[in-house]
């Protein structure tokens, strides 16, 4: 049986305002071959989830470690800006995200930059970027995201990003279970 950490957030901006998101990270595919206690997990969900919410969706994502900060401590940041990028060429889009990561982490000083690609349960031509911030002053460093992406595409002579959705998540420590 594997031990899972769970992170919880409320979406506080965007079309899904008010939705609760929970997620677990940092697992290998092999970890899922040994499930958590199914009966205990079901009982916990029946007690703590089902009475309070309506399950909307689930998907699997894979971290792109070379396009992410060294650790996932940023997942505990007060605010996460969740950017969903729809792309028409995944390999070219990764070059854009690589440059965006460099610009944001080196030049703008954004410490928490996590990149994931959707594997299942959603559009597989989509990347998810999580930017972690302790306050809105830091958050403001990503204010010109759309323009920043367009400038990078122009400099690389690419046009791969076909859509951008940005939502803000507010971390909920009391609704998270952190094992590490």
N, C-alpha and C. Protein backbone atom coordinates (compact mmCIF):
# COMPACT_ATOMS: atom_id res chain seq x y z
N UNK A 1 0.85 -1.18 0.00
CA UNK A 1 0.00 0.00 0.00
C UNK A 1 0.89 1.24 0.00
N UNK A 2 0.58 2.19 -0.85
CA UNK A 2 1.37 3.41 -0.92
C UNK A 2 0.79 4.47 0.01
N UNK A 3 1.65 5.36 0.44
CA UNK A 3 1.25 6.48 1.28
C UNK A 3 1.18 7.72 0.41
N UNK A 4 0.05 8.38 0.40
CA UNK A 4 -0.15 9.52 -0.49
C UNK A 4 -0.27 10.82 0.29
N UNK A 5 0.35 11.86 -0.25
CA UNK A 5 0.07 13.22 0.22
C UNK A 5 -1.01 13.78 -0.69
N UNK A 6 -1.94 14.51 -0.11
CA UNK A 6 -3.01 15.14 -0.88
C UNK A 6 -2.97 16.63 -0.65
N UNK A 7 -3.03 17.38 -1.72
CA UNK A 7 -3.07 18.83 -1.68
C UNK A 7 -4.49 19.26 -2.04
N UNK A 8 -4.99 20.28 -1.36
CA UNK A 8 -6.32 20.78 -1.65
C UNK A 8 -6.32 22.28 -1.89
N UNK A 9 -7.11 22.70 -2.88
CA UNK A 9 -7.24 24.12 -3.22
C UNK A 9 -8.67 24.44 -3.59
N UNK A 10 -9.07 25.67 -3.35
CA UNK A 10 -10.30 26.22 -3.93
C UNK A 10 -9.89 27.10 -5.09
N UNK A 11 -10.64 27.00 -6.19
CA UNK A 11 -10.42 27.90 -7.31
C UNK A 11 -11.11 29.22 -6.95
N UNK A 12 -10.34 30.32 -6.99
CA UNK A 12 -10.89 31.62 -6.59
C UNK A 12 -10.99 32.61 -7.74
N UNK A 13 -10.68 32.16 -8.96
CA UNK A 13 -10.95 32.99 -10.14
C UNK A 13 -11.10 32.07 -11.35
N UNK A 14 -11.93 32.51 -12.28
CA UNK A 14 -12.13 31.73 -13.49
C UNK A 14 -13.52 31.12 -13.55
N UNK A 15 -13.79 30.42 -14.63
CA UNK A 15 -15.11 29.83 -14.86
C UNK A 15 -15.47 28.78 -13.82
N UNK A 16 -14.47 28.18 -13.20
CA UNK A 16 -14.73 27.15 -12.19
C UNK A 16 -14.63 27.70 -10.77
N UNK A 17 -14.85 29.01 -10.61
CA UNK A 17 -14.81 29.66 -9.30
C UNK A 17 -15.60 28.84 -8.28
N UNK A 18 -15.00 28.60 -7.12
CA UNK A 18 -15.67 27.88 -6.05
C UNK A 18 -15.45 26.38 -6.08
N UNK A 19 -14.93 25.84 -7.16
CA UNK A 19 -14.65 24.40 -7.21
C UNK A 19 -13.49 24.09 -6.27
N UNK A 20 -13.52 22.88 -5.73
CA UNK A 20 -12.42 22.38 -4.91
C UNK A 20 -11.62 21.40 -5.76
N UNK A 21 -10.32 21.51 -5.71
CA UNK A 21 -9.43 20.58 -6.41
C UNK A 21 -8.57 19.88 -5.37
N UNK A 22 -8.46 18.57 -5.49
CA UNK A 22 -7.45 17.88 -4.70
C UNK A 22 -6.62 17.04 -5.64
N UNK A 23 -5.36 16.87 -5.27
CA UNK A 23 -4.43 16.16 -6.14
C UNK A 23 -3.30 15.56 -5.31
N UNK A 24 -2.73 14.53 -5.86
CA UNK A 24 -1.54 13.93 -5.28
C UNK A 24 -0.46 13.94 -6.36
N UNK A 25 0.79 14.08 -5.94
CA UNK A 25 1.91 14.25 -6.87
C UNK A 25 3.06 13.34 -6.49
N UNK A 26 4.06 13.33 -7.34
CA UNK A 26 5.35 12.67 -7.07
C UNK A 26 5.24 11.16 -6.91
N UNK A 27 4.52 10.54 -7.82
CA UNK A 27 4.41 9.08 -7.81
C UNK A 27 4.87 8.52 -9.14
N UNK A 28 5.37 7.29 -9.09
CA UNK A 28 5.70 6.59 -10.33
C UNK A 28 4.45 5.85 -10.78
N UNK A 29 4.43 5.47 -12.04
CA UNK A 29 3.28 4.71 -12.55
C UNK A 29 3.15 3.40 -11.78
N UNK A 30 4.25 2.83 -11.36
CA UNK A 30 4.21 1.57 -10.63
C UNK A 30 3.50 1.72 -9.29
N UNK A 31 3.56 2.90 -8.69
CA UNK A 31 2.87 3.11 -7.40
C UNK A 31 1.39 2.77 -7.49
N UNK A 32 0.79 2.98 -8.65
CA UNK A 32 -0.65 2.77 -8.79
C UNK A 32 -1.03 1.30 -8.93
N UNK A 33 -0.02 0.43 -9.07
CA UNK A 33 -0.30 -1.00 -9.09
C UNK A 33 -0.58 -1.54 -7.71
N UNK A 34 -0.25 -0.77 -6.68
CA UNK A 34 -0.53 -1.13 -5.29
C UNK A 34 -1.44 -0.05 -4.73
N UNK A 35 -2.74 -0.23 -4.85
CA UNK A 35 -3.65 0.86 -4.47
C UNK A 35 -3.68 1.12 -2.96
N UNK A 36 -4.15 2.31 -2.63
CA UNK A 36 -4.41 2.60 -1.22
C UNK A 36 -5.52 1.67 -0.76
N UNK A 37 -5.75 1.60 0.50
CA UNK A 37 -6.78 0.75 1.07
C UNK A 37 -8.14 1.10 0.43
N UNK A 38 -8.62 0.32 -0.55
CA UNK A 38 -9.85 0.70 -1.26
C UNK A 38 -11.07 0.86 -0.34
N UNK A 39 -11.25 -0.03 0.59
CA UNK A 39 -12.41 0.07 1.49
C UNK A 39 -12.29 1.30 2.39
N UNK A 40 -11.11 1.53 2.93
CA UNK A 40 -10.90 2.69 3.79
C UNK A 40 -11.00 4.00 3.01
N UNK A 41 -10.49 3.99 1.78
CA UNK A 41 -10.57 5.18 0.94
C UNK A 41 -12.03 5.49 0.61
N UNK A 42 -12.80 4.46 0.29
CA UNK A 42 -14.23 4.64 -0.01
C UNK A 42 -14.97 5.17 1.22
N UNK A 43 -14.69 4.60 2.39
CA UNK A 43 -15.35 5.04 3.62
C UNK A 43 -15.00 6.50 3.92
N UNK A 44 -13.73 6.87 3.72
CA UNK A 44 -13.30 8.25 3.94
C UNK A 44 -14.01 9.20 2.98
N UNK A 45 -14.10 8.82 1.71
CA UNK A 45 -14.80 9.64 0.72
C UNK A 45 -16.29 9.78 1.07
N UNK A 46 -16.90 8.67 1.48
CA UNK A 46 -18.32 8.72 1.84
C UNK A 46 -18.57 9.66 3.02
N UNK A 47 -17.61 9.74 3.94
CA UNK A 47 -17.76 10.59 5.12
C UNK A 47 -17.35 12.04 4.87
N UNK A 48 -16.25 12.24 4.15
CA UNK A 48 -15.67 13.57 4.04
C UNK A 48 -15.86 14.28 2.69
N UNK A 49 -16.26 13.56 1.67
CA UNK A 49 -16.35 14.18 0.35
C UNK A 49 -17.77 14.19 -0.19
N UNK A 50 -18.37 13.03 -0.27
CA UNK A 50 -19.68 12.89 -0.91
C UNK A 50 -20.74 13.84 -0.33
N UNK A 51 -20.81 14.02 1.00
CA UNK A 51 -21.85 14.92 1.52
C UNK A 51 -21.64 16.40 1.17
N UNK A 52 -20.42 16.78 0.75
CA UNK A 52 -20.09 18.19 0.60
C UNK A 52 -19.81 18.62 -0.83
N UNK A 53 -19.62 17.69 -1.72
CA UNK A 53 -19.25 18.08 -3.08
C UNK A 53 -19.74 17.10 -4.11
N UNK A 54 -19.65 17.53 -5.33
CA UNK A 54 -20.03 16.71 -6.46
C UNK A 54 -18.79 16.48 -7.31
N UNK A 55 -18.42 15.24 -7.47
CA UNK A 55 -17.23 14.89 -8.24
C UNK A 55 -17.44 15.32 -9.68
N UNK A 56 -16.50 16.08 -10.24
CA UNK A 56 -16.62 16.61 -11.59
C UNK A 56 -15.74 15.87 -12.60
N UNK A 57 -14.49 15.67 -12.26
CA UNK A 57 -13.57 15.07 -13.23
C UNK A 57 -12.33 14.55 -12.53
N UNK A 58 -11.60 13.73 -13.23
CA UNK A 58 -10.30 13.24 -12.76
C UNK A 58 -9.42 13.05 -13.99
N UNK A 59 -8.16 13.37 -13.83
CA UNK A 59 -7.24 13.09 -14.93
C UNK A 59 -5.86 12.78 -14.39
N UNK A 60 -5.07 12.18 -15.25
CA UNK A 60 -3.70 11.84 -14.92
C UNK A 60 -2.77 12.80 -15.65
N UNK A 61 -1.77 13.29 -14.91
CA UNK A 61 -0.79 14.19 -15.50
C UNK A 61 0.61 13.65 -15.19
N UNK A 62 1.56 14.04 -15.99
CA UNK A 62 2.96 13.66 -15.76
C UNK A 62 3.78 14.94 -15.64
N UNK A 63 4.59 15.00 -14.60
CA UNK A 63 5.46 16.15 -14.42
C UNK A 63 6.57 16.14 -15.47
N UNK A 64 6.84 17.29 -16.00
CA UNK A 64 7.98 17.47 -16.89
C UNK A 64 9.09 18.10 -16.04
N UNK A 65 9.89 17.25 -15.41
CA UNK A 65 10.83 17.72 -14.39
C UNK A 65 11.84 18.72 -14.95
N UNK A 66 12.24 18.56 -16.21
CA UNK A 66 13.20 19.49 -16.78
C UNK A 66 12.59 20.88 -17.00
N UNK A 67 11.26 20.97 -16.95
CA UNK A 67 10.57 22.25 -17.11
C UNK A 67 9.88 22.66 -15.79
N UNK A 68 10.41 22.16 -14.68
CA UNK A 68 9.82 22.43 -13.37
C UNK A 68 10.90 22.81 -12.37
N UNK A 69 10.48 23.50 -11.32
CA UNK A 69 11.38 23.80 -10.21
C UNK A 69 11.84 22.48 -9.60
N UNK A 70 12.96 22.52 -8.90
CA UNK A 70 13.58 21.31 -8.38
C UNK A 70 12.70 20.55 -7.38
N UNK A 71 11.87 21.25 -6.63
CA UNK A 71 11.00 20.55 -5.68
C UNK A 71 9.58 21.08 -5.81
N UNK A 72 8.67 20.36 -5.19
CA UNK A 72 7.26 20.71 -5.32
C UNK A 72 6.74 21.52 -4.13
N UNK A 73 7.63 22.13 -3.35
CA UNK A 73 7.19 22.93 -2.20
C UNK A 73 6.23 24.03 -2.64
N UNK A 74 6.38 24.50 -3.87
CA UNK A 74 5.49 25.53 -4.39
C UNK A 74 4.04 25.12 -4.44
N UNK A 75 3.78 23.82 -4.40
CA UNK A 75 2.39 23.36 -4.38
C UNK A 75 1.70 23.77 -3.08
N UNK A 76 2.47 24.12 -2.07
CA UNK A 76 1.93 24.58 -0.78
C UNK A 76 1.86 26.11 -0.70
N UNK A 77 2.23 26.78 -1.76
CA UNK A 77 2.17 28.24 -1.77
C UNK A 77 0.73 28.70 -1.57
N UNK A 78 0.56 29.85 -0.97
CA UNK A 78 -0.79 30.36 -0.71
C UNK A 78 -1.62 30.41 -1.98
N UNK A 79 -1.03 30.93 -3.06
CA UNK A 79 -1.73 31.04 -4.34
C UNK A 79 -1.00 30.24 -5.40
N UNK A 80 -1.74 29.51 -6.20
CA UNK A 80 -1.21 28.89 -7.41
C UNK A 80 -1.93 29.49 -8.59
N UNK A 81 -1.16 29.97 -9.54
CA UNK A 81 -1.77 30.37 -10.80
C UNK A 81 -1.67 29.15 -11.70
N UNK A 82 -2.82 28.59 -12.04
CA UNK A 82 -2.86 27.40 -12.89
C UNK A 82 -3.14 27.84 -14.32
N UNK A 83 -2.15 27.61 -15.17
CA UNK A 83 -2.26 27.99 -16.58
C UNK A 83 -2.41 26.72 -17.40
N UNK A 84 -3.46 26.63 -18.17
CA UNK A 84 -3.66 25.50 -19.09
C UNK A 84 -3.38 26.02 -20.49
N UNK A 85 -2.39 25.41 -21.14
CA UNK A 85 -2.02 25.80 -22.50
C UNK A 85 -2.46 24.73 -23.48
N UNK A 86 -3.34 25.07 -24.39
CA UNK A 86 -3.67 24.18 -25.50
C UNK A 86 -2.64 24.44 -26.59
N UNK A 87 -2.11 23.37 -27.17
CA UNK A 87 -1.05 23.52 -28.16
C UNK A 87 -1.32 22.63 -29.37
N UNK A 88 -0.73 23.00 -30.51
CA UNK A 88 -0.91 22.20 -31.71
C UNK A 88 0.33 21.39 -32.08
N UNK A 89 1.42 21.57 -31.35
CA UNK A 89 2.65 20.83 -31.57
C UNK A 89 3.36 20.73 -30.22
N UNK A 90 3.26 19.56 -29.58
CA UNK A 90 3.76 19.40 -28.21
C UNK A 90 5.26 19.67 -28.12
N UNK A 91 6.06 19.13 -29.03
CA UNK A 91 7.51 19.30 -28.94
C UNK A 91 7.90 20.78 -29.07
N UNK A 92 7.28 21.47 -30.00
CA UNK A 92 7.57 22.90 -30.16
C UNK A 92 7.08 23.68 -28.94
N UNK A 93 5.94 23.29 -28.40
CA UNK A 93 5.40 23.98 -27.22
C UNK A 93 6.33 23.83 -26.03
N UNK A 94 6.99 22.69 -25.91
CA UNK A 94 7.93 22.50 -24.81
C UNK A 94 9.09 23.48 -24.90
N UNK A 95 9.49 23.86 -26.10
CA UNK A 95 10.54 24.87 -26.27
C UNK A 95 10.05 26.24 -25.78
N UNK A 96 8.79 26.53 -26.02
CA UNK A 96 8.21 27.79 -25.55
C UNK A 96 8.17 27.80 -24.03
N UNK A 97 7.72 26.70 -23.43
CA UNK A 97 7.63 26.62 -21.96
C UNK A 97 9.02 26.67 -21.34
N UNK A 98 10.00 26.05 -22.00
CA UNK A 98 11.38 26.10 -21.48
C UNK A 98 11.86 27.55 -21.38
N UNK A 99 11.60 28.32 -22.40
CA UNK A 99 12.00 29.74 -22.40
C UNK A 99 11.18 30.53 -21.37
N UNK A 100 9.88 30.24 -21.26
CA UNK A 100 9.04 30.90 -20.27
C UNK A 100 9.55 30.61 -18.86
N UNK A 101 9.89 29.35 -18.60
CA UNK A 101 10.43 28.98 -17.29
C UNK A 101 11.70 29.77 -16.99
N UNK A 102 12.59 29.84 -17.95
CA UNK A 102 13.83 30.59 -17.76
C UNK A 102 13.54 32.06 -17.48
N UNK A 103 12.67 32.66 -18.29
CA UNK A 103 12.32 34.07 -18.09
C UNK A 103 11.72 34.30 -16.71
N UNK A 104 10.82 33.42 -16.30
CA UNK A 104 10.11 33.64 -15.04
C UNK A 104 10.96 33.29 -13.82
N UNK A 105 11.74 32.21 -13.88
CA UNK A 105 12.49 31.81 -12.69
C UNK A 105 13.80 32.58 -12.56
N UNK A 106 14.48 32.82 -13.66
CA UNK A 106 15.78 33.51 -13.61
C UNK A 106 15.59 35.02 -13.61
N UNK A 107 14.88 35.53 -14.58
CA UNK A 107 14.76 36.99 -14.73
C UNK A 107 13.74 37.60 -13.78
N UNK A 108 12.57 36.97 -13.64
CA UNK A 108 11.52 37.56 -12.80
C UNK A 108 11.59 37.10 -11.35
N UNK A 109 12.38 36.06 -11.08
CA UNK A 109 12.53 35.59 -9.71
C UNK A 109 11.37 34.78 -9.17
N UNK A 110 10.56 34.21 -10.05
CA UNK A 110 9.46 33.34 -9.61
C UNK A 110 10.09 32.00 -9.21
N UNK A 111 9.90 31.62 -7.95
CA UNK A 111 10.59 30.44 -7.42
C UNK A 111 9.89 29.13 -7.74
N UNK A 112 8.59 29.17 -7.90
CA UNK A 112 7.83 27.93 -8.04
C UNK A 112 7.18 27.86 -9.41
N UNK A 113 7.73 27.01 -10.26
CA UNK A 113 7.26 26.85 -11.63
C UNK A 113 7.21 25.35 -11.90
N UNK A 114 6.01 24.80 -12.00
CA UNK A 114 5.82 23.36 -12.24
C UNK A 114 5.11 23.17 -13.57
N UNK A 115 5.59 22.22 -14.38
CA UNK A 115 4.99 21.95 -15.68
C UNK A 115 4.57 20.49 -15.75
N UNK A 116 3.35 20.28 -16.23
CA UNK A 116 2.78 18.93 -16.38
C UNK A 116 2.13 18.81 -17.75
N UNK A 117 2.08 17.59 -18.25
CA UNK A 117 1.29 17.34 -19.45
C UNK A 117 0.19 16.36 -19.08
N UNK A 118 -0.96 16.56 -19.69
CA UNK A 118 -2.09 15.68 -19.44
C UNK A 118 -1.85 14.37 -20.18
N UNK A 119 -2.03 13.27 -19.47
CA UNK A 119 -1.85 11.94 -20.03
C UNK A 119 -3.20 11.31 -20.35
N UNK A 120 -4.19 11.53 -19.47
CA UNK A 120 -5.49 10.87 -19.64
C UNK A 120 -6.55 11.66 -18.89
N UNK A 121 -7.76 11.62 -19.39
CA UNK A 121 -8.89 12.25 -18.72
C UNK A 121 -9.18 13.66 -19.19
N UNK A 122 -8.39 14.16 -20.11
CA UNK A 122 -8.55 15.52 -20.62
C UNK A 122 -7.85 15.64 -21.95
N UNK A 123 -7.78 16.85 -22.48
CA UNK A 123 -7.13 17.03 -23.78
C UNK A 123 -5.62 16.76 -23.68
N UNK A 124 -5.13 15.79 -24.44
CA UNK A 124 -3.71 15.43 -24.33
C UNK A 124 -2.82 16.36 -25.14
N UNK A 125 -3.41 17.37 -25.74
CA UNK A 125 -2.62 18.42 -26.38
C UNK A 125 -2.57 19.64 -25.46
N UNK A 126 -2.52 19.38 -24.15
CA UNK A 126 -2.57 20.46 -23.17
C UNK A 126 -1.44 20.30 -22.16
N UNK A 127 -0.85 21.44 -21.81
CA UNK A 127 0.14 21.52 -20.74
C UNK A 127 -0.46 22.32 -19.60
N UNK A 128 -0.08 21.96 -18.39
CA UNK A 128 -0.52 22.70 -17.21
C UNK A 128 0.72 23.25 -16.53
N UNK A 129 0.71 24.55 -16.29
CA UNK A 129 1.80 25.20 -15.57
C UNK A 129 1.22 25.72 -14.26
N UNK A 130 1.90 25.41 -13.17
CA UNK A 130 1.51 25.90 -11.85
C UNK A 130 2.59 26.85 -11.36
N UNK A 131 2.20 28.09 -11.12
CA UNK A 131 3.11 29.10 -10.58
C UNK A 131 2.69 29.37 -9.14
N UNK A 132 3.60 29.16 -8.18
CA UNK A 132 3.27 29.35 -6.78
C UNK A 132 3.73 30.69 -6.24
N UNK A 133 2.84 31.34 -5.48
CA UNK A 133 3.13 32.67 -4.92
C UNK A 133 2.65 32.75 -3.47
N UNK A 134 3.39 33.49 -2.66
CA UNK A 134 2.99 33.71 -1.28
C UNK A 134 2.05 34.91 -1.15
N UNK A 135 2.07 35.79 -2.15
CA UNK A 135 1.23 36.99 -2.09
C UNK A 135 0.97 37.49 -3.51
N UNK A 136 0.14 38.53 -3.60
CA UNK A 136 -0.19 39.07 -4.92
C UNK A 136 0.93 39.92 -5.51
N UNK A 137 1.87 40.37 -4.70
CA UNK A 137 3.01 41.09 -5.24
C UNK A 137 3.81 40.14 -6.14
N UNK A 138 4.07 38.94 -5.64
CA UNK A 138 4.75 37.94 -6.45
C UNK A 138 3.91 37.51 -7.64
N UNK A 139 2.63 37.35 -7.40
CA UNK A 139 1.69 36.95 -8.46
C UNK A 139 1.78 37.92 -9.64
N UNK A 140 1.93 39.19 -9.33
CA UNK A 140 1.98 40.22 -10.37
C UNK A 140 3.13 40.03 -11.34
N UNK A 141 4.15 39.25 -10.96
CA UNK A 141 5.27 39.00 -11.86
C UNK A 141 4.84 38.19 -13.09
N UNK A 142 3.67 37.59 -13.03
CA UNK A 142 3.17 36.82 -14.17
C UNK A 142 2.02 37.55 -14.87
N UNK A 143 1.88 38.82 -14.57
CA UNK A 143 0.77 39.63 -15.09
C UNK A 143 0.68 39.62 -16.61
N UNK A 144 1.80 39.60 -17.29
CA UNK A 144 1.82 39.72 -18.75
C UNK A 144 2.04 38.37 -19.43
N UNK A 145 1.49 37.32 -18.84
CA UNK A 145 1.70 35.97 -19.33
C UNK A 145 1.41 35.82 -20.82
N UNK A 146 0.27 36.29 -21.27
CA UNK A 146 -0.10 36.13 -22.68
C UNK A 146 0.93 36.83 -23.59
N UNK A 147 1.30 38.05 -23.24
CA UNK A 147 2.28 38.78 -24.02
C UNK A 147 3.66 38.10 -23.97
N UNK A 148 4.00 37.56 -22.79
CA UNK A 148 5.28 36.87 -22.64
C UNK A 148 5.34 35.64 -23.55
N UNK A 149 4.25 34.88 -23.59
CA UNK A 149 4.22 33.69 -24.45
C UNK A 149 4.29 34.09 -25.92
N UNK A 150 3.55 35.12 -26.31
CA UNK A 150 3.58 35.59 -27.70
C UNK A 150 4.99 36.05 -28.09
N UNK A 151 5.67 36.75 -27.21
CA UNK A 151 7.03 37.22 -27.50
C UNK A 151 7.99 36.04 -27.67
N UNK A 152 7.82 35.03 -26.84
CA UNK A 152 8.68 33.85 -26.96
C UNK A 152 8.40 33.13 -28.28
N UNK A 153 7.12 32.96 -28.60
CA UNK A 153 6.79 32.32 -29.88
C UNK A 153 7.40 33.11 -31.05
N UNK A 154 7.29 34.41 -31.02
CA UNK A 154 7.86 35.24 -32.09
C UNK A 154 9.37 35.07 -32.17
N UNK A 155 10.04 35.06 -31.02
CA UNK A 155 11.50 34.92 -31.03
C UNK A 155 11.94 33.56 -31.55
N UNK A 156 11.12 32.54 -31.34
CA UNK A 156 11.44 31.18 -31.80
C UNK A 156 10.84 30.89 -33.18
N UNK A 157 10.11 31.86 -33.71
CA UNK A 157 9.43 31.72 -35.00
C UNK A 157 8.49 30.50 -34.98
N UNK A 158 7.69 30.46 -33.91
CA UNK A 158 6.71 29.39 -33.71
C UNK A 158 5.34 29.99 -33.44
N UNK A 159 4.30 29.23 -33.74
CA UNK A 159 2.94 29.57 -33.30
C UNK A 159 2.28 28.25 -32.90
N UNK A 160 2.45 27.89 -31.64
CA UNK A 160 2.00 26.59 -31.17
C UNK A 160 0.92 26.66 -30.09
N UNK A 161 0.84 27.77 -29.37
CA UNK A 161 -0.16 27.91 -28.31
C UNK A 161 -1.45 28.38 -28.96
N UNK A 162 -2.49 27.54 -28.84
CA UNK A 162 -3.78 27.86 -29.47
C UNK A 162 -4.81 28.33 -28.47
N UNK A 163 -4.52 28.19 -27.18
CA UNK A 163 -5.44 28.66 -26.15
C UNK A 163 -4.76 28.71 -24.79
N UNK A 164 -5.17 29.68 -23.99
CA UNK A 164 -4.63 29.85 -22.64
C UNK A 164 -5.80 30.05 -21.69
N UNK A 165 -5.84 29.26 -20.63
CA UNK A 165 -6.82 29.46 -19.57
C UNK A 165 -6.03 29.65 -18.28
N UNK A 166 -6.37 30.70 -17.53
CA UNK A 166 -5.70 30.98 -16.27
C UNK A 166 -6.73 30.97 -15.15
N UNK A 167 -6.41 30.26 -14.08
CA UNK A 167 -7.26 30.22 -12.89
C UNK A 167 -6.34 30.39 -11.67
N UNK A 168 -6.88 30.95 -10.60
CA UNK A 168 -6.12 31.09 -9.37
C UNK A 168 -6.67 30.11 -8.34
N UNK A 169 -5.75 29.38 -7.72
CA UNK A 169 -6.10 28.41 -6.69
C UNK A 169 -5.59 28.91 -5.34
N UNK A 170 -6.40 28.77 -4.32
CA UNK A 170 -6.04 29.14 -2.95
C UNK A 170 -5.80 27.87 -2.16
N UNK A 171 -4.57 27.68 -1.65
CA UNK A 171 -4.21 26.47 -0.92
C UNK A 171 -5.03 26.34 0.35
N UNK A 172 -5.42 25.12 0.65
CA UNK A 172 -6.21 24.81 1.84
C UNK A 172 -5.45 23.81 2.70
N UNK A 173 -4.59 24.28 3.60
CA UNK A 173 -3.81 23.35 4.43
C UNK A 173 -4.67 22.39 5.25
N UNK A 174 -5.81 22.90 5.76
CA UNK A 174 -6.67 22.05 6.58
C UNK A 174 -7.36 20.98 5.76
N UNK A 175 -7.39 21.13 4.45
CA UNK A 175 -8.02 20.14 3.58
C UNK A 175 -6.97 19.38 2.78
N UNK A 176 -5.74 19.41 3.26
CA UNK A 176 -4.63 18.71 2.63
C UNK A 176 -4.06 17.72 3.64
N UNK A 177 -3.46 16.67 3.13
CA UNK A 177 -2.82 15.67 3.97
C UNK A 177 -1.41 15.48 3.42
N UNK A 178 -0.44 16.10 4.10
CA UNK A 178 0.92 16.11 3.59
C UNK A 178 1.78 15.16 4.41
N UNK A 179 2.25 14.12 3.76
CA UNK A 179 3.04 13.07 4.42
C UNK A 179 4.52 13.44 4.54
N UNK A 180 4.98 14.40 3.73
CA UNK A 180 6.41 14.75 3.76
C UNK A 180 6.60 16.21 4.02
